[in-house]
Amino acid sequence: MSEQYLSAFAVDGGALLRTVGTGEEAFVRAALDRIAPLTAAHRLLRATDPAEVEPALREIADGRLDPARPGGYGWLLELLLPGAGDTLGAATLPGRGWHELTDTFRAWGLPTLAGLWARPWPWPDAEVSDGDPWPFPCLAAGSELDRVHGELVGFDTDRIHEEPELLPGGDEDAAEEVEWLVGELLPEWTAGARERGLGLLILRDGGT
């Protein structure tokens, strides 16, 4: 069965980007030490092999990013984010087509949310970041996060059930999950990030 996994974090995106090139051994060791407990808690989908993770972490710390690295560096975020800010929550959405919510959000008059959903955060650097990364990180901070909050507060969730053709894959069965996402999860995560004075980073991943 196909699924989309969402993890939400309140983070200072700028501070996380500034870890690139710091040369800090503590950055590498802290991330490696995080593997075992996160794996035991079933919170890692990818970053589980220290022998694979350590070289990539050292490339980040040393600022020697490799544009040709297989898989890039985005897969490290699920390992790094729990130490970079506060974990706000996670969710699993069944099925495929959740990327199609970009068009759905626009049709519902939620342009800032649509932009957040469609635009990958260029971790760790725009020059080495995949234009269509997987997992897919999206970040809203400051005034943009305020606009997302305002859109969600003003949204009438009845539209989700009234316009099933706008749901992922045009599947009316997705209505409950979309209502959960738009009516509960996103407002909760947005509020959590704003209360902390941080940005909201949502990491989307998938599996079958």
C-alpha atoms as a PDB file:
ATOM      1  CA  MET A   1       0.000   0.000   0.000  1.00  0.00           C
ATOM      2  CA  SER A   2       1.325   3.438  -0.915  1.00  0.00           C
ATOM      3  CA  GLU A   3       1.550   6.003   1.842  1.00  0.00           C
ATOM      4  CA  GLN A   4       2.844   9.498   2.439  1.00  0.00           C
ATOM      5  CA  TYR A   5       4.651  10.170   5.701  1.00  0.00           C
ATOM      6  CA  LEU A   6       4.693  13.683   7.137  1.00  0.00           C
ATOM      7  CA  SER A   7       6.933  14.925   9.931  1.00  0.00           C
ATOM      8  CA  ALA A   8       6.656  18.473  11.232  1.00  0.00           C
ATOM      9  CA  PHE A   9       9.312  20.458  13.083  1.00  0.00           C
ATOM     10  CA  ALA A  10       9.677  23.973  14.491  1.00  0.00           C
ATOM     11  CA  VAL A  11      13.152  25.046  13.376  1.00  0.00           C
ATOM     12  CA  ASP A  12      15.386  27.983  12.607  1.00  0.00           C
ATOM     13  CA  GLY A  13      16.102  27.151   8.985  1.00  0.00           C
ATOM     14  CA  GLY A  14      18.876  29.699   8.748  1.00  0.00           C
ATOM     15  CA  ALA A  15      20.687  28.185  11.720  1.00  0.00           C
ATOM     16  CA  LEU A  16      20.459  24.718  10.188  1.00  0.00           C
ATOM     17  CA  LEU A  17      21.875  25.994   6.894  1.00  0.00           C
ATOM     18  CA  ARG A  18      24.738  27.607   8.788  1.00  0.00           C
ATOM     19  CA  THR A  19      25.905  24.183   9.959  1.00  0.00           C
ATOM     20  CA  VAL A  20      27.311  23.714   6.460  1.00  0.00           C
ATOM     21  CA  GLY A  21      31.052  24.347   6.560  1.00  0.00           C
ATOM     22  CA  THR A  22      31.367  24.840  10.322  1.00  0.00           C
ATOM     23  CA  GLY A  23      33.762  21.914  10.624  1.00  0.00           C
ATOM     24  CA  GLU A  24      32.205  21.015  13.965  1.00  0.00           C
ATOM     25  CA  GLU A  25      32.889  17.468  15.110  1.00  0.00           C
ATOM     26  CA  ALA A  26      30.062  17.863  17.638  1.00  0.00           C
ATOM     27  CA  PHE A  27      27.575  18.240  14.769  1.00  0.00           C
ATOM     28  CA  VAL A  28      28.670  14.911  13.307  1.00  0.00           C
ATOM     29  CA  ARG A  29      28.801  13.031  16.621  1.00  0.00           C
ATOM     30  CA  ALA A  30      25.425  14.314  17.799  1.00  0.00           C
ATOM     31  CA  ALA A  31      23.761  13.205  14.573  1.00  0.00           C
ATOM     32  CA  LEU A  32      25.369   9.762  14.721  1.00  0.00           C
ATOM     33  CA  ASP A  33      24.347   9.347  18.360  1.00  0.00           C
ATOM     34  CA  ARG A  34      20.782  10.084  17.335  1.00  0.00           C
ATOM     35  CA  ILE A  35      20.520   7.110  14.971  1.00  0.00           C
ATOM     36  CA  ALA A  36      19.995   4.363  17.550  1.00  0.00           C
ATOM     37  CA  PRO A  37      17.246   6.007  19.640  1.00  0.00           C
ATOM     38  CA  LEU A  38      15.360   7.286  16.598  1.00  0.00           C
ATOM     39  CA  THR A  39      15.572   3.870  14.970  1.00  0.00           C
ATOM     40  CA  ALA A  40      14.329   2.195  18.149  1.00  0.00           C
ATOM     41  CA  ALA A  41      11.411   4.615  18.205  1.00  0.00           C
ATOM     42  CA  HIS A  42      10.628   3.762  14.550  1.00  0.00           C
ATOM     43  CA  ARG A  43      11.099   7.390  13.576  1.00  0.00           C
ATOM     44  CA  LEU A  44      13.664   6.892  10.809  1.00  0.00           C
ATOM     45  CA  LEU A  45      12.760   5.752   7.315  1.00  0.00           C
ATOM     46  CA  ARG A  46      16.208   6.160   5.768  1.00  0.00           C
ATOM     47  CA  ALA A  47      19.182   7.380   7.814  1.00  0.00           C
ATOM     48  CA  THR A  48      19.994   4.172   9.725  1.00  0.00           C
ATOM     49  CA  ASP A  49      23.490   3.063   8.643  1.00  0.00           C
ATOM     50  CA  PRO A  50      26.289   4.976  10.409  1.00  0.00           C
ATOM     51  CA  ALA A  51      28.816   3.811   7.796  1.00  0.00           C
ATOM     52  CA  GLU A  52      26.764   5.569   5.121  1.00  0.00           C
ATOM     53  CA  VAL A  53      25.665   8.523   7.229  1.00  0.00           C
ATOM     54  CA  GLU A  54      29.021   9.626   8.648  1.00  0.00           C
ATOM     55  CA  PRO A  55      30.722  10.497   5.326  1.00  0.00           C
ATOM     56  CA  ALA A  56      27.720  12.590   4.254  1.00  0.00           C
ATOM     57  CA  LEU A  57      27.624  14.377   7.609  1.00  0.00           C
ATOM     58  CA  ARG A  58      31.327  15.175   7.362  1.00  0.00           C
ATOM     59  CA  GLU A  59      30.830  16.603   3.874  1.00  0.00           C
ATOM     60  CA  ILE A  60      28.213  18.947   5.325  1.00  0.00           C
ATOM     61  CA  ALA A  61      30.329  19.925   8.316  1.00  0.00           C
ATOM     62  CA  ASP A  62      33.388  20.504   6.132  1.00  0.00           C
ATOM     63  CA  GLY A  63      31.451  22.373   3.458  1.00  0.00           C
ATOM     64  CA  ARG A  64      32.596  19.907   0.793  1.00  0.00           C
ATOM     65  CA  LEU A  65      29.182  19.230  -0.693  1.00  0.00           C
ATOM     66  CA  ASP A  66      29.109  16.823  -3.618  1.00  0.00           C
ATOM     67  CA  PRO A  67      26.492  17.681  -6.277  1.00  0.00           C
ATOM     68  CA  ALA A  68      26.810  14.126  -7.564  1.00  0.00           C
ATOM     69  CA  ARG A  69      26.231  12.397  -4.203  1.00  0.00           C
ATOM     70  CA  PRO A  70      23.655   9.623  -4.786  1.00  0.00           C
ATOM     71  CA  GLY A  71      20.428  10.645  -3.072  1.00  0.00           C
ATOM     72  CA  GLY A  72      21.808  14.071  -2.223  1.00  0.00           C
ATOM     73  CA  TYR A  73      21.623  15.138   1.425  1.00  0.00           C
ATOM     74  CA  GLY A  74      17.895  15.527   2.011  1.00  0.00           C
ATOM     75  CA  TRP A  75      17.618  12.029   3.464  1.00  0.00           C
ATOM     76  CA  LEU A  76      19.709  13.241   6.420  1.00  0.00           C
ATOM     77  CA  LEU A  77      17.052  15.726   7.493  1.00  0.00           C
ATOM     78  CA  GLU A  78      14.939  13.177   9.330  1.00  0.00           C
ATOM     79  CA  LEU A  79      18.038  12.488  11.415  1.00  0.00           C
ATOM     80  CA  LEU A  80      19.087  16.125  11.866  1.00  0.00           C
ATOM     81  CA  LEU A  81      15.766  17.853  12.454  1.00  0.00           C
ATOM     82  CA  PRO A  82      14.974  16.310  15.875  1.00  0.00           C
ATOM     83  CA  GLY A  83      18.182  17.911  17.143  1.00  0.00           C
ATOM     84  CA  ALA A  84      17.723  21.200  15.282  1.00  0.00           C
ATOM     85  CA  GLY A  85      14.392  22.235  16.798  1.00  0.00           C
ATOM     86  CA  ASP A  86      11.190  20.905  18.300  1.00  0.00           C
ATOM     87  CA  THR A  87       9.269  17.964  16.870  1.00  0.00           C
ATOM     88  CA  LEU A  88       5.657  19.058  16.357  1.00  0.00           C
ATOM     89  CA  GLY A  89       4.126  15.819  15.132  1.00  0.00           C
ATOM     90  CA  ALA A  90       3.846  13.232  12.406  1.00  0.00           C
ATOM     91  CA  ALA A  91       1.141  11.671  10.281  1.00  0.00           C
ATOM     92  CA  THR A  92       0.634   8.981   7.663  1.00  0.00           C
ATOM     93  CA  LEU A  93      -1.658   9.641   4.706  1.00  0.00           C
ATOM     94  CA  PRO A  94      -2.748   6.558   2.741  1.00  0.00           C
ATOM     95  CA  GLY A  95      -2.466   6.293  -1.020  1.00  0.00           C
ATOM     96  CA  ARG A  96      -0.783   8.364  -3.690  1.00  0.00           C
ATOM     97  CA  GLY A  97      -1.275  11.789  -5.225  1.00  0.00           C
ATOM     98  CA  TRP A  98      -0.699  13.979  -2.183  1.00  0.00           C
ATOM     99  CA  HIS A  99       1.581  16.260  -4.211  1.00  0.00           C
ATOM    100  CA  GLU A 100      -1.582  17.187  -6.154  1.00  0.00           C
ATOM    101  CA  LEU A 101      -2.717  19.206  -3.146  1.00  0.00           C
ATOM    102  CA  THR A 102      -0.729  22.107  -4.574  1.00  0.00           C
ATOM    103  CA  ASP A 103      -3.437  22.663  -7.211  1.00  0.00           C
ATOM    104  CA  THR A 104      -6.172  21.879  -4.696  1.00  0.00           C
ATOM    105  CA  PHE A 105      -4.929  24.501  -2.250  1.00  0.00           C
ATOM    106  CA  ARG A 106      -4.804  27.103  -5.016  1.00  0.00           C
ATOM    107  CA  ALA A 107      -8.351  26.254  -6.079  1.00  0.00           C
ATOM    108  CA  TRP A 108      -9.492  26.698  -2.471  1.00  0.00           C
ATOM    109  CA  GLY A 109      -7.926  30.149  -2.241  1.00  0.00           C
ATOM    110  CA  LEU A 110      -4.934  29.079  -0.132  1.00  0.00           C
ATOM    111  CA  PRO A 111      -2.076  30.413  -2.289  1.00  0.00           C
ATOM    112  CA  THR A 112       0.593  30.636   0.425  1.00  0.00           C
ATOM    113  CA  LEU A 113      -0.081  27.096   1.576  1.00  0.00           C
ATOM    114  CA  ALA A 114       0.058  25.960  -2.056  1.00  0.00           C
ATOM    115  CA  GLY A 115       3.436  27.644  -2.433  1.00  0.00           C
ATOM    116  CA  LEU A 116       4.733  25.973   0.722  1.00  0.00           C
ATOM    117  CA  TRP A 117       3.557  22.558  -0.467  1.00  0.00           C
ATOM    118  CA  ALA A 118       5.132  22.918  -3.917  1.00  0.00           C
ATOM    119  CA  ARG A 119       8.477  24.572  -3.145  1.00  0.00           C
ATOM    120  CA  PRO A 120      11.316  22.417  -1.804  1.00  0.00           C
ATOM    121  CA  TRP A 121      13.545  24.006   0.793  1.00  0.00           C
ATOM    122  CA  PRO A 122      17.050  23.992  -0.762  1.00  0.00           C
ATOM    123  CA  TRP A 123      18.873  21.960   1.851  1.00  0.00           C
ATOM    124  CA  PRO A 124      21.817  22.092   2.235  1.00  0.00           C
ATOM    125  CA  ASP A 125      22.593  24.494  -0.631  1.00  0.00           C
ATOM    126  CA  ALA A 126      20.704  25.586  -3.719  1.00  0.00           C
ATOM    127  CA  GLU A 127      23.564  24.505  -5.969  1.00  0.00           C
ATOM    128  CA  VAL A 128      23.536  20.895  -4.786  1.00  0.00           C
ATOM    129  CA  SER A 129      19.851  20.472  -3.924  1.00  0.00           C
ATOM    130  CA  ASP A 130      17.650  18.361  -6.150  1.00  0.00           C
ATOM    131  CA  GLY A 131      14.868  20.367  -7.792  1.00  0.00           C
ATOM    132  CA  ASP A 132      12.470  17.505  -6.989  1.00  0.00           C
ATOM    133  CA  PRO A 133      13.938  16.024  -3.803  1.00  0.00           C
ATOM    134  CA  TRP A 134      12.718  12.966  -1.988  1.00  0.00           C
ATOM    135  CA  PRO A 135      12.127  13.167   0.872  1.00  0.00           C
ATOM    136  CA  PHE A 136      10.599  16.574   0.185  1.00  0.00           C
ATOM    137  CA  PRO A 137      11.325  19.353   2.731  1.00  0.00           C
ATOM    138  CA  CYS A 138       9.184  22.498   2.692  1.00  0.00           C
ATOM    139  CA  LEU A 139       9.743  25.440   5.032  1.00  0.00           C
ATOM    140  CA  ALA A 140       7.653  28.493   5.912  1.00  0.00           C
ATOM    141  CA  ALA A 141       8.907  31.123   8.336  1.00  0.00           C
ATOM    142  CA  GLY A 142       8.182  34.678   9.409  1.00  0.00           C
ATOM    143  CA  SER A 143       5.526  36.521   7.444  1.00  0.00           C
ATOM    144  CA  GLU A 144       4.983  33.556   5.140  1.00  0.00           C
ATOM    145  CA  LEU A 145       4.144  31.336   8.093  1.00  0.00           C
ATOM    146  CA  ASP A 146       1.761  34.041   9.358  1.00  0.00           C
ATOM    147  CA  ARG A 147      -0.001  34.022   5.986  1.00  0.00           C
ATOM    148  CA  VAL A 148      -0.322  30.237   6.016  1.00  0.00           C
ATOM    149  CA  HIS A 149      -1.815  30.496   9.499  1.00  0.00           C
ATOM    150  CA  GLY A 150      -4.313  33.123   8.342  1.00  0.00           C
ATOM    151  CA  GLU A 151      -5.371  31.050   5.348  1.00  0.00           C
ATOM    152  CA  LEU A 152      -5.971  27.971   7.468  1.00  0.00           C
ATOM    153  CA  VAL A 153      -7.930  29.878  10.101  1.00  0.00           C
ATOM    154  CA  GLY A 154     -10.237  31.309   7.443  1.00  0.00           C
ATOM    155  CA  PHE A 155     -10.760  28.082   5.499  1.00  0.00           C
ATOM    156  CA  ASP A 156     -14.171  26.392   5.469  1.00  0.00           C
ATOM    157  CA  THR A 157     -13.494  22.649   5.643  1.00  0.00           C
ATOM    158  CA  ASP A 158     -16.970  21.925   4.236  1.00  0.00           C
ATOM    159  CA  ARG A 159     -15.442  22.641   0.821  1.00  0.00           C
ATOM    160  CA  ILE A 160     -13.404  19.461   1.119  1.00  0.00           C
ATOM    161  CA  HIS A 161     -16.570  17.375   0.953  1.00  0.00           C
ATOM    162  CA  GLU A 162     -18.387  19.633  -1.495  1.00  0.00           C
ATOM    163  CA  GLU A 163     -15.621  19.497  -4.136  1.00  0.00           C
ATOM    164  CA  PRO A 164     -14.349  15.894  -4.194  1.00  0.00           C
ATOM    165  CA  GLU A 165     -13.010  16.348  -7.721  1.00  0.00           C
ATOM    166  CA  LEU A 166     -10.264  18.527  -6.215  1.00  0.00           C
ATOM    167  CA  LEU A 167      -9.009  15.818  -3.878  1.00  0.00           C
ATOM    168  CA  PRO A 168      -5.842  13.814  -4.665  1.00  0.00           C
ATOM    169  CA  GLY A 169      -6.628  11.629  -7.657  1.00  0.00           C
ATOM    170  CA  GLY A 170     -10.196  12.923  -7.589  1.00  0.00           C
ATOM    171  CA  ASP A 171     -10.843  10.325  -4.894  1.00  0.00           C
ATOM    172  CA  GLU A 172     -13.726  11.213  -2.577  1.00  0.00           C
ATOM    173  CA  ASP A 173     -12.432   8.600  -0.133  1.00  0.00           C
ATOM    174  CA  ALA A 174      -9.520  10.953   0.611  1.00  0.00           C
ATOM    175  CA  ALA A 175     -11.828  13.615   2.054  1.00  0.00           C
ATOM    176  CA  GLU A 176     -11.437  12.562   5.680  1.00  0.00           C
ATOM    177  CA  GLU A 177      -7.634  12.525   5.464  1.00  0.00           C
ATOM    178  CA  VAL A 178      -7.584  15.917   3.725  1.00  0.00           C
ATOM    179  CA  GLU A 179      -9.875  17.360   6.385  1.00  0.00           C
ATOM    180  CA  TRP A 180      -7.599  15.942   9.080  1.00  0.00           C
ATOM    181  CA  LEU A 181      -4.581  17.476   7.378  1.00  0.00           C
ATOM    182  CA  VAL A 182      -6.049  20.898   6.617  1.00  0.00           C
ATOM    183  CA  GLY A 183      -8.442  21.214   9.536  1.00  0.00           C
ATOM    184  CA  GLU A 184      -6.293  19.809  12.344  1.00  0.00           C
ATOM    185  CA  LEU A 185      -2.683  18.922  11.611  1.00  0.00           C
ATOM    186  CA  LEU A 186      -1.528  21.944   9.627  1.00  0.00           C
ATOM    187  CA  PRO A 187      -3.206  24.484  11.948  1.00  0.00           C
ATOM    188  CA  GLU A 188      -1.705  22.716  14.973  1.00  0.00           C
ATOM    189  CA  TRP A 189       1.780  22.569  13.475  1.00  0.00           C
ATOM    190  CA  THR A 190       1.602  26.151  12.229  1.00  0.00           C
ATOM    191  CA  ALA A 191       0.517  27.381  15.637  1.00  0.00           C
ATOM    192  CA  GLY A 192       3.278  25.379  17.326  1.00  0.00           C
ATOM    193  CA  ALA A 193       5.985  26.919  15.168  1.00  0.00           C
ATOM    194  CA  ARG A 194       4.622  30.448  15.576  1.00  0.00           C
ATOM    195  CA  GLU A 195       4.403  30.079  19.361  1.00  0.00           C
ATOM    196  CA  ARG A 196       8.094  29.198  19.405  1.00  0.00           C
ATOM    197  CA  GLY A 197       9.046  32.039  17.073  1.00  0.00           C
ATOM    198  CA  LEU A 198      10.460  29.511  14.588  1.00  0.00           C
ATOM    199  CA  GLY A 199       9.749  28.313  11.084  1.00  0.00           C
ATOM    200  CA  LEU A 200       7.619  25.307  10.211  1.00  0.00           C
ATOM    201  CA  LEU A 201       9.432  22.585   8.303  1.00  0.00           C
ATOM    202  CA  ILE A 202       7.365  19.707   6.939  1.00  0.00           C
ATOM    203  CA  LEU A 203       9.252  16.697   5.639  1.00  0.00           C
ATOM    204  CA  ARG A 204       7.256  14.549   3.225  1.00  0.00           C
ATOM    205  CA  ASP A 205       8.340  11.038   2.366  1.00  0.00           C
ATOM    206  CA  GLY A 206       6.645   8.000   0.926  1.00  0.00           C
ATOM    207  CA  GLY A 207       6.640   4.269   0.612  1.00  0.00           C
ATOM    208  CA  THR A 208       4.691   1.303  -0.643  1.00  0.00           C
END
